[in-house]
N, C-alpha and C. Protein backbone atom coordinates (compact mmCIF):
# COMPACT_ATOMS: atom_id res chain seq x y z
N GLY A 1 27.50 -24.78 -99.07
CA GLY A 1 27.83 -26.18 -99.17
C GLY A 1 26.91 -26.90 -100.13
N GLN A 2 25.61 -26.60 -100.04
CA GLN A 2 24.66 -27.31 -100.89
C GLN A 2 24.84 -26.90 -102.35
N ALA A 3 25.00 -25.62 -102.60
CA ALA A 3 25.14 -25.14 -103.99
C ALA A 3 26.41 -25.70 -104.61
N LEU A 4 27.51 -25.70 -103.86
CA LEU A 4 28.77 -26.22 -104.37
C LEU A 4 28.66 -27.71 -104.67
N THR A 5 28.03 -28.45 -103.76
CA THR A 5 27.86 -29.89 -103.97
C THR A 5 27.03 -30.16 -105.21
N GLY A 6 25.93 -29.41 -105.36
CA GLY A 6 25.07 -29.58 -106.55
C GLY A 6 25.82 -29.27 -107.83
N ALA A 7 26.58 -28.19 -107.82
CA ALA A 7 27.34 -27.80 -109.03
C ALA A 7 28.38 -28.86 -109.37
N LEU A 8 29.08 -29.38 -108.36
CA LEU A 8 30.08 -30.42 -108.61
C LEU A 8 29.45 -31.70 -109.14
N MET A 9 28.30 -32.06 -108.58
CA MET A 9 27.63 -33.28 -109.03
C MET A 9 27.21 -33.16 -110.49
N ILE A 10 26.70 -31.99 -110.87
CA ILE A 10 26.25 -31.80 -112.25
C ILE A 10 27.43 -31.63 -113.19
N GLY A 11 28.37 -30.76 -112.80
CA GLY A 11 29.48 -30.43 -113.70
C GLY A 11 30.54 -31.51 -113.79
N VAL A 12 30.99 -32.05 -112.68
CA VAL A 12 32.10 -33.00 -112.67
C VAL A 12 31.60 -34.43 -112.85
N ALA A 13 30.61 -34.81 -112.05
CA ALA A 13 30.15 -36.19 -112.08
C ALA A 13 29.14 -36.44 -113.19
N GLY A 14 28.60 -35.38 -113.75
CA GLY A 14 27.61 -35.54 -114.83
C GLY A 14 26.28 -36.09 -114.32
N ALA A 15 25.97 -35.84 -113.08
CA ALA A 15 24.73 -36.36 -112.50
C ALA A 15 23.54 -35.56 -113.02
N SER A 16 22.39 -36.20 -112.97
CA SER A 16 21.17 -35.50 -113.37
C SER A 16 20.78 -34.51 -112.28
N LEU A 17 19.92 -33.59 -112.64
CA LEU A 17 19.50 -32.55 -111.71
C LEU A 17 18.84 -33.13 -110.45
N PRO A 18 17.94 -34.12 -110.56
CA PRO A 18 17.34 -34.67 -109.35
C PRO A 18 18.36 -35.36 -108.43
N VAL A 19 19.31 -36.06 -109.02
CA VAL A 19 20.33 -36.74 -108.22
C VAL A 19 21.22 -35.71 -107.54
N ALA A 20 21.64 -34.70 -108.28
CA ALA A 20 22.48 -33.64 -107.71
C ALA A 20 21.72 -32.93 -106.59
N GLY A 21 20.43 -32.68 -106.78
CA GLY A 21 19.61 -32.04 -105.75
C GLY A 21 19.51 -32.90 -104.51
N ALA A 22 19.33 -34.20 -104.67
CA ALA A 22 19.22 -35.10 -103.53
C ALA A 22 20.52 -35.16 -102.74
N VAL A 23 21.64 -35.23 -103.47
CA VAL A 23 22.94 -35.27 -102.80
C VAL A 23 23.19 -33.94 -102.08
N ALA A 24 22.87 -32.83 -102.75
CA ALA A 24 23.06 -31.52 -102.13
C ALA A 24 22.19 -31.38 -100.88
N PHE A 25 20.96 -31.90 -100.93
CA PHE A 25 20.07 -31.88 -99.77
C PHE A 25 20.67 -32.68 -98.61
N GLY A 26 21.20 -33.84 -98.91
CA GLY A 26 21.84 -34.67 -97.88
C GLY A 26 23.03 -33.97 -97.25
N VAL A 27 23.84 -33.32 -98.08
CA VAL A 27 24.99 -32.58 -97.57
C VAL A 27 24.51 -31.43 -96.68
N GLY A 28 23.46 -30.74 -97.10
CA GLY A 28 22.91 -29.64 -96.30
C GLY A 28 22.39 -30.12 -94.96
N CYS A 29 21.70 -31.26 -94.96
CA CYS A 29 21.19 -31.81 -93.70
C CYS A 29 22.34 -32.20 -92.77
N ALA A 30 23.33 -32.89 -93.31
CA ALA A 30 24.46 -33.31 -92.49
C ALA A 30 25.22 -32.11 -91.93
N THR A 31 25.39 -31.09 -92.75
CA THR A 31 26.08 -29.88 -92.31
C THR A 31 25.28 -29.18 -91.21
N GLY A 32 23.98 -29.08 -91.40
CA GLY A 32 23.13 -28.43 -90.41
C GLY A 32 23.13 -29.17 -89.08
N ILE A 33 23.04 -30.48 -89.13
CA ILE A 33 23.05 -31.28 -87.91
C ILE A 33 24.39 -31.14 -87.20
N SER A 34 25.47 -31.20 -87.96
CA SER A 34 26.81 -31.05 -87.37
C SER A 34 27.00 -29.68 -86.73
N ALA A 35 26.56 -28.64 -87.43
CA ALA A 35 26.70 -27.28 -86.90
C ALA A 35 25.85 -27.11 -85.64
N GLY A 36 24.65 -27.67 -85.64
CA GLY A 36 23.79 -27.59 -84.47
C GLY A 36 24.38 -28.31 -83.27
N ALA A 37 24.94 -29.50 -83.51
CA ALA A 37 25.55 -30.27 -82.43
C ALA A 37 26.77 -29.55 -81.87
N LEU A 38 27.58 -28.99 -82.75
CA LEU A 38 28.77 -28.26 -82.31
C LEU A 38 28.37 -27.02 -81.51
N SER A 39 27.34 -26.33 -81.97
CA SER A 39 26.85 -25.15 -81.26
C SER A 39 26.34 -25.52 -79.88
N GLU A 40 25.56 -26.58 -79.80
CA GLU A 40 25.02 -27.03 -78.51
C GLU A 40 26.15 -27.42 -77.56
N TRP A 41 27.14 -28.13 -78.08
CA TRP A 41 28.28 -28.56 -77.26
C TRP A 41 29.04 -27.34 -76.73
N THR A 42 29.22 -26.33 -77.59
CA THR A 42 29.93 -25.12 -77.18
C THR A 42 29.14 -24.36 -76.11
N VAL A 43 27.85 -24.18 -76.33
CA VAL A 43 27.02 -23.47 -75.36
C VAL A 43 26.99 -24.21 -74.03
N ASP A 44 26.87 -25.53 -74.06
CA ASP A 44 26.87 -26.32 -72.82
C ASP A 44 28.18 -26.14 -72.07
N GLY A 45 29.29 -26.14 -72.81
CA GLY A 45 30.60 -25.95 -72.17
C GLY A 45 30.72 -24.59 -71.51
N ILE A 46 30.24 -23.56 -72.18
CA ILE A 46 30.29 -22.20 -71.63
C ILE A 46 29.40 -22.10 -70.40
N MET A 47 28.21 -22.67 -70.47
CA MET A 47 27.28 -22.62 -69.34
C MET A 47 27.87 -23.36 -68.13
N ASP A 48 28.51 -24.50 -68.38
CA ASP A 48 29.13 -25.25 -67.28
C ASP A 48 30.23 -24.44 -66.61
N LYS A 49 31.05 -23.75 -67.42
CA LYS A 49 32.11 -22.92 -66.86
C LYS A 49 31.55 -21.76 -66.06
N MET A 50 30.47 -21.16 -66.57
CA MET A 50 29.85 -20.04 -65.85
C MET A 50 29.27 -20.51 -64.51
N LYS A 51 28.64 -21.69 -64.50
CA LYS A 51 28.07 -22.23 -63.26
C LYS A 51 29.18 -22.54 -62.27
N LEU A 52 30.27 -23.12 -62.73
CA LEU A 52 31.39 -23.43 -61.85
C LEU A 52 31.96 -22.15 -61.25
N ARG A 53 32.12 -21.11 -62.06
CA ARG A 53 32.64 -19.83 -61.58
C ARG A 53 31.70 -19.22 -60.54
N ARG A 54 30.38 -19.27 -60.83
CA ARG A 54 29.39 -18.72 -59.89
C ARG A 54 29.41 -19.51 -58.57
N ASP A 55 29.51 -20.84 -58.66
CA ASP A 55 29.57 -21.66 -57.45
C ASP A 55 30.81 -21.34 -56.62
N ARG A 56 31.93 -21.12 -57.29
CA ARG A 56 33.16 -20.75 -56.57
C ARG A 56 33.01 -19.40 -55.89
N GLU A 57 32.39 -18.44 -56.57
CA GLU A 57 32.19 -17.11 -55.99
C GLU A 57 31.29 -17.20 -54.76
N ILE A 58 30.24 -18.01 -54.85
CA ILE A 58 29.33 -18.18 -53.71
C ILE A 58 30.07 -18.83 -52.55
N GLU A 59 30.88 -19.84 -52.85
CA GLU A 59 31.64 -20.52 -51.81
C GLU A 59 32.62 -19.56 -51.13
N MET A 60 33.32 -18.76 -51.94
CA MET A 60 34.28 -17.79 -51.38
C MET A 60 33.54 -16.75 -50.53
N SER A 61 32.39 -16.29 -51.00
CA SER A 61 31.61 -15.31 -50.26
C SER A 61 31.16 -15.89 -48.92
N SER A 62 30.75 -17.15 -48.92
CA SER A 62 30.33 -17.80 -47.68
C SER A 62 31.48 -17.91 -46.70
N LYS A 63 32.67 -18.25 -47.21
CA LYS A 63 33.83 -18.37 -46.34
C LYS A 63 34.20 -17.02 -45.73
N VAL A 64 34.10 -15.96 -46.53
CA VAL A 64 34.41 -14.61 -46.02
C VAL A 64 33.40 -14.24 -44.94
N GLN A 65 32.12 -14.52 -45.18
CA GLN A 65 31.10 -14.20 -44.19
C GLN A 65 31.31 -14.99 -42.90
N GLU A 66 31.68 -16.28 -43.04
CA GLU A 66 31.95 -17.10 -41.86
C GLU A 66 33.12 -16.54 -41.07
N LYS A 67 34.18 -16.12 -41.78
CA LYS A 67 35.35 -15.57 -41.11
C LYS A 67 34.99 -14.27 -40.40
N GLU A 68 34.24 -13.41 -41.09
CA GLU A 68 33.84 -12.14 -40.47
C GLU A 68 33.00 -12.39 -39.23
N THR A 69 32.07 -13.32 -39.30
CA THR A 69 31.23 -13.66 -38.16
C THR A 69 32.08 -14.23 -37.03
N GLY A 70 33.02 -15.10 -37.38
CA GLY A 70 33.93 -15.67 -36.38
C GLY A 70 34.77 -14.60 -35.71
N ASP A 71 35.25 -13.63 -36.49
CA ASP A 71 36.04 -12.53 -35.94
C ASP A 71 35.20 -11.69 -34.99
N GLU A 72 33.93 -11.45 -35.36
CA GLU A 72 33.04 -10.67 -34.50
C GLU A 72 32.78 -11.40 -33.18
N VAL A 73 32.54 -12.70 -33.25
CA VAL A 73 32.31 -13.49 -32.04
C VAL A 73 33.55 -13.48 -31.17
N ALA A 74 34.72 -13.63 -31.76
CA ALA A 74 35.97 -13.61 -30.99
C ALA A 74 36.16 -12.26 -30.30
N ALA A 75 35.85 -11.17 -31.00
CA ALA A 75 35.98 -9.83 -30.41
C ALA A 75 35.02 -9.67 -29.23
N ILE A 76 33.80 -10.16 -29.37
CA ILE A 76 32.82 -10.07 -28.28
C ILE A 76 33.29 -10.89 -27.08
N LEU A 77 33.79 -12.10 -27.33
CA LEU A 77 34.28 -12.94 -26.24
C LEU A 77 35.48 -12.30 -25.54
N ASP A 78 36.36 -11.70 -26.31
CA ASP A 78 37.51 -11.00 -25.71
C ASP A 78 37.03 -9.87 -24.80
N SER A 79 36.06 -9.11 -25.28
CA SER A 79 35.51 -8.01 -24.47
C SER A 79 34.89 -8.54 -23.19
N MET A 80 34.15 -9.63 -23.30
CA MET A 80 33.51 -10.20 -22.12
C MET A 80 34.55 -10.70 -21.12
N CYS A 81 35.60 -11.33 -21.62
CA CYS A 81 36.66 -11.82 -20.74
C CYS A 81 37.34 -10.66 -20.01
N LYS A 82 37.58 -9.57 -20.72
CA LYS A 82 38.20 -8.39 -20.10
C LYS A 82 37.30 -7.81 -19.02
N ILE A 83 35.98 -7.77 -19.30
CA ILE A 83 35.04 -7.25 -18.30
C ILE A 83 35.04 -8.14 -17.06
N ILE A 84 35.06 -9.43 -17.27
CA ILE A 84 35.07 -10.38 -16.15
C ILE A 84 36.38 -10.22 -15.35
N GLU A 85 37.49 -10.15 -16.07
CA GLU A 85 38.81 -9.99 -15.41
C GLU A 85 38.84 -8.68 -14.60
N ASP A 86 38.32 -7.61 -15.19
CA ASP A 86 38.31 -6.33 -14.50
C ASP A 86 37.43 -6.40 -13.25
N GLY A 87 36.34 -7.17 -13.33
CA GLY A 87 35.44 -7.30 -12.19
C GLY A 87 36.04 -8.11 -11.06
N MET A 88 36.96 -9.01 -11.39
CA MET A 88 37.59 -9.86 -10.39
C MET A 88 38.71 -9.12 -9.65
N GLN A 89 39.20 -8.09 -10.21
CA GLN A 89 40.33 -7.38 -9.59
C GLN A 89 39.91 -6.38 -8.60
């Protein structure tokens, strides 16, 4: 970008070398800042999606563990009720 800008300024616009260099430097700075901002925005978006996915996986895992624990408690209570019923007969 900078080399092309400098060449156009000198060749087409007839600018002096210092002016063409200054304009090319400005274009390089603007391009670098824009690329950096776009990169940061992209990385932030990816990290947010990864965190959301991880949070969902943790939530699903917790729900599965709660269900398994609930099923175990229900099975124990059923066994206890059967023992009590058998003892009453």
